[in-house]
């Protein structure tokens, strides 16, 4: 019985590991989207307008993972959701800034 419990416990991902995994997927998607937008010479205003509409599956998975981690840490649903939304907004702002920088210097991010 103890071995079964240990195996099941090892199989379950911790909320922190899930956040890490979904964060990587979300930022990789945002990076690919940014690079594609730079390659196709999208204007900054268009990039900003479409940024939040792209990578929805990855964003939603990341948001759910951040909320689950917050709830596991004792946060209320509202506080956990606000934290998740703030983190997502930070990523959107960061990638908008990166896009602007790359566009202004006519360069591309490295792989």
N, C-alpha and C. Protein backbone atom coordinates (compact mmCIF):
# COMPACT_ATOMS: atom_id res chain seq x y z
N UNK A 1 0.83 -1.19 0.00
CA UNK A 1 0.00 0.00 0.00
C UNK A 1 0.87 1.25 0.00
N UNK A 2 1.93 1.24 0.78
CA UNK A 2 2.82 2.40 0.84
C UNK A 2 3.47 2.66 -0.51
N UNK A 3 3.86 1.61 -1.20
CA UNK A 3 4.50 1.77 -2.50
C UNK A 3 3.51 2.37 -3.50
N UNK A 4 2.29 1.91 -3.50
CA UNK A 4 1.26 2.45 -4.39
C UNK A 4 1.05 3.93 -4.11
N UNK A 5 0.98 4.30 -2.87
CA UNK A 5 0.80 5.70 -2.50
C UNK A 5 1.97 6.55 -2.97
N UNK A 6 3.18 6.05 -2.81
CA UNK A 6 4.36 6.79 -3.25
C UNK A 6 4.39 6.94 -4.76
N UNK A 7 4.03 5.89 -5.47
CA UNK A 7 4.00 5.95 -6.93
C UNK A 7 2.95 6.96 -7.40
N UNK A 8 1.78 6.92 -6.80
CA UNK A 8 0.73 7.87 -7.17
C UNK A 8 1.14 9.29 -6.85
N UNK A 9 1.78 9.50 -5.73
CA UNK A 9 2.23 10.83 -5.36
C UNK A 9 3.28 11.34 -6.34
N UNK A 10 4.16 10.47 -6.78
CA UNK A 10 5.19 10.87 -7.74
C UNK A 10 4.59 11.19 -9.10
N UNK A 11 3.49 10.53 -9.44
CA UNK A 11 2.86 10.75 -10.73
C UNK A 11 2.14 12.09 -10.80
N UNK A 12 1.67 12.56 -9.68
CA UNK A 12 0.97 13.83 -9.66
C UNK A 12 1.97 14.97 -9.78
N UNK A 13 1.68 15.90 -10.65
CA UNK A 13 2.56 17.05 -10.78
C UNK A 13 2.19 18.07 -9.72
N UNK A 14 3.18 18.69 -9.18
CA UNK A 14 2.92 19.73 -8.22
C UNK A 14 2.39 20.95 -8.96
N UNK A 15 1.60 21.79 -8.29
CA UNK A 15 1.11 23.01 -8.94
C UNK A 15 2.26 23.88 -9.45
N UNK A 16 3.36 23.89 -8.74
CA UNK A 16 4.51 24.69 -9.15
C UNK A 16 5.10 24.17 -10.46
N UNK A 17 5.22 22.86 -10.58
CA UNK A 17 5.75 22.28 -11.81
C UNK A 17 4.83 22.56 -12.99
N UNK A 18 3.54 22.52 -12.75
CA UNK A 18 2.57 22.80 -13.81
C UNK A 18 2.68 24.26 -14.25
N UNK A 19 2.86 25.17 -13.31
CA UNK A 19 3.06 26.58 -13.66
C UNK A 19 4.31 26.72 -14.52
N UNK A 20 5.38 26.09 -14.12
CA UNK A 20 6.63 26.17 -14.89
C UNK A 20 6.44 25.66 -16.31
N UNK A 21 5.80 24.52 -16.44
CA UNK A 21 5.60 23.91 -17.76
C UNK A 21 4.71 24.77 -18.64
N UNK A 22 3.62 25.28 -18.09
CA UNK A 22 2.70 26.09 -18.89
C UNK A 22 3.28 27.47 -19.18
N UNK A 23 4.11 27.99 -18.29
CA UNK A 23 4.77 29.28 -18.53
C UNK A 23 5.71 29.16 -19.74
N UNK A 24 6.46 28.08 -19.79
CA UNK A 24 7.37 27.86 -20.92
C UNK A 24 6.58 27.77 -22.22
N UNK A 25 5.49 27.02 -22.22
CA UNK A 25 4.67 26.87 -23.44
C UNK A 25 4.10 28.23 -23.87
N UNK A 26 3.62 29.01 -22.90
CA UNK A 26 3.03 30.32 -23.20
C UNK A 26 4.07 31.27 -23.78
N UNK A 27 5.22 31.35 -23.14
CA UNK A 27 6.24 32.29 -23.62
C UNK A 27 6.84 31.83 -24.95
N UNK A 28 6.96 30.52 -25.17
CA UNK A 28 7.43 30.04 -26.47
C UNK A 28 6.45 30.41 -27.57
N UNK A 29 5.18 30.29 -27.30
CA UNK A 29 4.16 30.66 -28.28
C UNK A 29 4.22 32.16 -28.56
N UNK A 30 4.33 32.97 -27.51
CA UNK A 30 4.42 34.42 -27.70
C UNK A 30 5.66 34.79 -28.51
N UNK A 31 6.75 34.10 -28.26
CA UNK A 31 7.99 34.37 -28.98
C UNK A 31 7.86 34.02 -30.45
N UNK A 32 7.27 32.86 -30.75
CA UNK A 32 7.05 32.47 -32.14
C UNK A 32 6.14 33.47 -32.84
N UNK A 33 5.10 33.89 -32.15
CA UNK A 33 4.16 34.86 -32.71
C UNK A 33 4.87 36.20 -32.98
N UNK A 34 5.70 36.64 -32.06
CA UNK A 34 6.44 37.88 -32.24
C UNK A 34 7.37 37.78 -33.44
N UNK A 35 8.08 36.67 -33.53
CA UNK A 35 9.02 36.48 -34.63
C UNK A 35 8.29 36.46 -35.97
N UNK A 36 7.16 35.77 -36.03
CA UNK A 36 6.35 35.73 -37.25
C UNK A 36 5.88 37.14 -37.62
N UNK A 37 5.46 37.90 -36.63
CA UNK A 37 5.00 39.27 -36.89
C UNK A 37 6.13 40.15 -37.39
N UNK A 38 7.32 39.96 -36.86
CA UNK A 38 8.48 40.73 -37.33
C UNK A 38 8.84 40.32 -38.76
N UNK A 39 8.79 39.03 -39.05
CA UNK A 39 9.13 38.54 -40.39
C UNK A 39 8.16 39.07 -41.43
N UNK A 40 6.89 39.16 -41.08
CA UNK A 40 5.87 39.62 -42.03
C UNK A 40 5.69 41.13 -41.98
N UNK A 41 6.53 41.79 -41.21
CA UNK A 41 6.56 43.26 -41.13
C UNK A 41 5.23 43.86 -40.66
N UNK A 42 4.63 43.23 -39.67
CA UNK A 42 3.41 43.74 -39.06
C UNK A 42 3.74 45.05 -38.35
N UNK A 43 2.85 45.99 -38.44
CA UNK A 43 3.04 47.26 -37.74
C UNK A 43 2.77 47.07 -36.25
N UNK A 44 3.37 47.93 -35.45
CA UNK A 44 3.27 47.80 -34.00
C UNK A 44 1.82 47.84 -33.51
N UNK A 45 1.03 48.74 -34.05
CA UNK A 45 -0.38 48.85 -33.62
C UNK A 45 -1.14 47.56 -33.87
N UNK A 46 -0.89 46.94 -35.02
CA UNK A 46 -1.55 45.67 -35.34
C UNK A 46 -1.06 44.56 -34.41
N UNK A 47 0.24 44.54 -34.13
CA UNK A 47 0.79 43.54 -33.23
C UNK A 47 0.14 43.64 -31.85
N UNK A 48 0.06 44.86 -31.35
CA UNK A 48 -0.53 45.07 -30.02
C UNK A 48 -1.99 44.63 -30.01
N UNK A 49 -2.72 44.92 -31.08
CA UNK A 49 -4.14 44.54 -31.13
C UNK A 49 -4.34 43.03 -31.18
N UNK A 50 -3.43 42.32 -31.85
CA UNK A 50 -3.62 40.88 -32.01
C UNK A 50 -2.92 40.05 -30.95
N UNK A 51 -2.00 40.65 -30.21
CA UNK A 51 -1.21 39.91 -29.22
C UNK A 51 -2.08 39.12 -28.25
N UNK A 52 -3.10 39.76 -27.71
CA UNK A 52 -3.93 39.10 -26.70
C UNK A 52 -4.86 38.05 -27.29
N UNK A 53 -5.03 38.08 -28.61
CA UNK A 53 -5.90 37.09 -29.25
C UNK A 53 -5.13 35.84 -29.66
N UNK A 54 -3.82 35.92 -29.61
CA UNK A 54 -2.97 34.79 -30.02
C UNK A 54 -2.55 33.98 -28.80
N UNK A 55 -2.16 32.76 -29.02
CA UNK A 55 -1.68 31.86 -27.97
C UNK A 55 -2.72 31.62 -26.88
N UNK A 56 -3.98 31.55 -27.26
CA UNK A 56 -5.05 31.43 -26.26
C UNK A 56 -5.00 30.13 -25.47
N UNK A 57 -4.71 29.02 -26.13
CA UNK A 57 -4.67 27.74 -25.41
C UNK A 57 -3.55 27.75 -24.38
N UNK A 58 -2.38 28.24 -24.78
CA UNK A 58 -1.25 28.30 -23.87
C UNK A 58 -1.49 29.29 -22.73
N UNK A 59 -2.09 30.44 -23.07
CA UNK A 59 -2.40 31.44 -22.06
C UNK A 59 -3.41 30.90 -21.04
N UNK A 60 -4.45 30.24 -21.54
CA UNK A 60 -5.48 29.71 -20.65
C UNK A 60 -4.92 28.61 -19.73
N UNK A 61 -4.05 27.76 -20.27
CA UNK A 61 -3.43 26.71 -19.44
C UNK A 61 -2.54 27.34 -18.37
N UNK A 62 -1.77 28.36 -18.75
CA UNK A 62 -0.91 29.05 -17.79
C UNK A 62 -1.76 29.72 -16.71
N UNK A 63 -2.83 30.38 -17.12
CA UNK A 63 -3.70 31.07 -16.16
C UNK A 63 -4.29 30.08 -15.15
N UNK A 64 -4.79 28.96 -15.66
CA UNK A 64 -5.36 27.94 -14.78
C UNK A 64 -4.32 27.40 -13.80
N UNK A 65 -3.09 27.21 -14.30
CA UNK A 65 -2.02 26.69 -13.44
C UNK A 65 -1.64 27.68 -12.35
N UNK A 66 -1.57 28.96 -12.70
CA UNK A 66 -1.24 29.99 -11.71
C UNK A 66 -2.35 30.09 -10.66
N UNK A 67 -3.57 30.01 -11.10
CA UNK A 67 -4.70 30.05 -10.15
C UNK A 67 -4.65 28.83 -9.22
N UNK A 68 -4.39 27.66 -9.78
CA UNK A 68 -4.31 26.44 -8.95
C UNK A 68 -3.19 26.56 -7.93
N UNK A 69 -2.05 27.09 -8.33
CA UNK A 69 -0.94 27.27 -7.39
C UNK A 69 -1.33 28.26 -6.30
N UNK A 70 -1.96 29.35 -6.68
CA UNK A 70 -2.40 30.33 -5.68
C UNK A 70 -3.40 29.74 -4.70
N UNK A 71 -4.34 28.99 -5.23
CA UNK A 71 -5.35 28.35 -4.36
C UNK A 71 -4.68 27.34 -3.43
N UNK A 72 -3.70 26.58 -3.94
CA UNK A 72 -2.99 25.60 -3.11
C UNK A 72 -2.18 26.29 -2.02
N UNK A 73 -1.81 27.54 -2.28
CA UNK A 73 -1.04 28.32 -1.29
C UNK A 73 -1.94 29.07 -0.32
N UNK A 74 -3.25 28.94 -0.50
CA UNK A 74 -4.18 29.56 0.43
C UNK A 74 -4.83 30.84 -0.05
N UNK A 75 -4.54 31.27 -1.28
CA UNK A 75 -5.17 32.48 -1.81
C UNK A 75 -6.63 32.22 -2.12
N UNK A 76 -7.43 33.27 -2.05
CA UNK A 76 -8.82 33.16 -2.48
C UNK A 76 -8.85 33.04 -4.00
N UNK A 77 -9.96 32.61 -4.53
CA UNK A 77 -10.11 32.51 -5.99
C UNK A 77 -9.87 33.86 -6.64
N UNK A 78 -10.41 34.91 -6.04
CA UNK A 78 -10.26 36.26 -6.60
C UNK A 78 -8.79 36.69 -6.63
N UNK A 79 -8.10 36.51 -5.54
CA UNK A 79 -6.69 36.92 -5.46
C UNK A 79 -5.84 36.09 -6.43
N UNK A 80 -6.09 34.80 -6.50
CA UNK A 80 -5.34 33.93 -7.40
C UNK A 80 -5.58 34.31 -8.86
N UNK A 81 -6.83 34.63 -9.20
CA UNK A 81 -7.15 35.04 -10.57
C UNK A 81 -6.52 36.39 -10.90
N UNK A 82 -6.53 37.30 -9.95
CA UNK A 82 -5.91 38.61 -10.18
C UNK A 82 -4.40 38.45 -10.40
N UNK A 83 -3.77 37.57 -9.64
CA UNK A 83 -2.34 37.32 -9.82
C UNK A 83 -2.07 36.74 -11.20
N UNK A 84 -2.87 35.77 -11.60
CA UNK A 84 -2.70 35.15 -12.92
C UNK A 84 -2.86 36.19 -14.02
N UNK A 85 -3.90 37.01 -13.92
CA UNK A 85 -4.15 38.03 -14.93
C UNK A 85 -3.01 39.05 -14.98
N UNK A 86 -2.47 39.40 -13.83
CA UNK A 86 -1.37 40.35 -13.77
C UNK A 86 -0.12 39.76 -14.44
N UNK A 87 0.15 38.49 -14.19
CA UNK A 87 1.31 37.86 -14.82
C UNK A 87 1.16 37.81 -16.34
N UNK A 88 -0.03 37.51 -16.80
CA UNK A 88 -0.29 37.47 -18.24
C UNK A 88 -0.11 38.86 -18.85
N UNK A 89 -0.63 39.87 -18.19
CA UNK A 89 -0.46 41.24 -18.68
C UNK A 89 1.01 41.63 -18.72
N UNK A 90 1.77 41.18 -17.74
CA UNK A 90 3.21 41.46 -17.73
C UNK A 90 3.89 40.82 -18.94
N UNK A 91 3.51 39.59 -19.27
CA UNK A 91 4.09 38.94 -20.45
C UNK A 91 3.70 39.69 -21.72
N UNK A 92 2.45 40.10 -21.82
CA UNK A 92 2.02 40.85 -23.00
C UNK A 92 2.80 42.16 -23.11
N UNK A 93 2.97 42.86 -22.01
CA UNK A 93 3.73 44.12 -22.03
C UNK A 93 5.18 43.87 -22.40
N UNK A 94 5.76 42.81 -21.86
CA UNK A 94 7.16 42.48 -22.15
C UNK A 94 7.35 42.17 -23.63
N UNK A 95 6.46 41.38 -24.20
CA UNK A 95 6.60 41.04 -25.61
C UNK A 95 6.29 42.22 -26.52
N UNK A 96 5.41 43.10 -26.11
CA UNK A 96 5.17 44.32 -26.87
C UNK A 96 6.43 45.17 -26.89
N UNK A 97 7.08 45.28 -25.75
CA UNK A 97 8.33 46.05 -25.67
C UNK A 97 9.42 45.41 -26.53
N UNK A 98 9.54 44.10 -26.47
CA UNK A 98 10.53 43.41 -27.29
C UNK A 98 10.24 43.62 -28.78
N UNK A 99 8.98 43.50 -29.15
CA UNK A 99 8.60 43.70 -30.55
C UNK A 99 9.00 45.10 -31.01
N UNK A 100 8.70 46.09 -30.20
CA UNK A 100 9.03 47.48 -30.53
C UNK A 100 10.54 47.64 -30.69
N UNK A 101 11.30 47.07 -29.78
CA UNK A 101 12.76 47.17 -29.86
C UNK A 101 13.30 46.50 -31.13
N UNK A 102 12.85 45.28 -31.40
CA UNK A 102 13.33 44.59 -32.59
C UNK A 102 12.92 45.34 -33.86
N UNK A 103 11.69 45.82 -33.87
CA UNK A 103 11.19 46.53 -35.06
C UNK A 103 11.98 47.81 -35.29
N UNK A 104 12.28 48.54 -34.22
CA UNK A 104 12.99 49.82 -34.37
C UNK A 104 14.43 49.63 -34.83
N UNK A 105 15.02 48.49 -34.53
CA UNK A 105 16.40 48.23 -34.94
C UNK A 105 16.48 47.32 -36.17
N UNK A 106 15.30 46.93 -36.67
CA UNK A 106 15.21 46.04 -37.83
C UNK A 106 16.04 44.77 -37.63
N UNK A 107 15.91 44.19 -36.45
CA UNK A 107 16.60 42.95 -36.12
C UNK A 107 15.59 41.87 -35.75
N UNK A 108 16.09 40.66 -35.64
CA UNK A 108 15.24 39.52 -35.27
C UNK A 108 15.80 38.86 -34.02
N UNK A 109 14.92 38.28 -33.20
CA UNK A 109 15.42 37.55 -32.02
C UNK A 109 16.18 36.31 -32.46
N UNK A 110 17.16 35.93 -31.68
CA UNK A 110 17.90 34.71 -31.98
C UNK A 110 17.08 33.48 -31.65
N UNK A 111 17.49 32.37 -32.15
CA UNK A 111 16.76 31.13 -31.87
C UNK A 111 17.21 30.49 -30.64
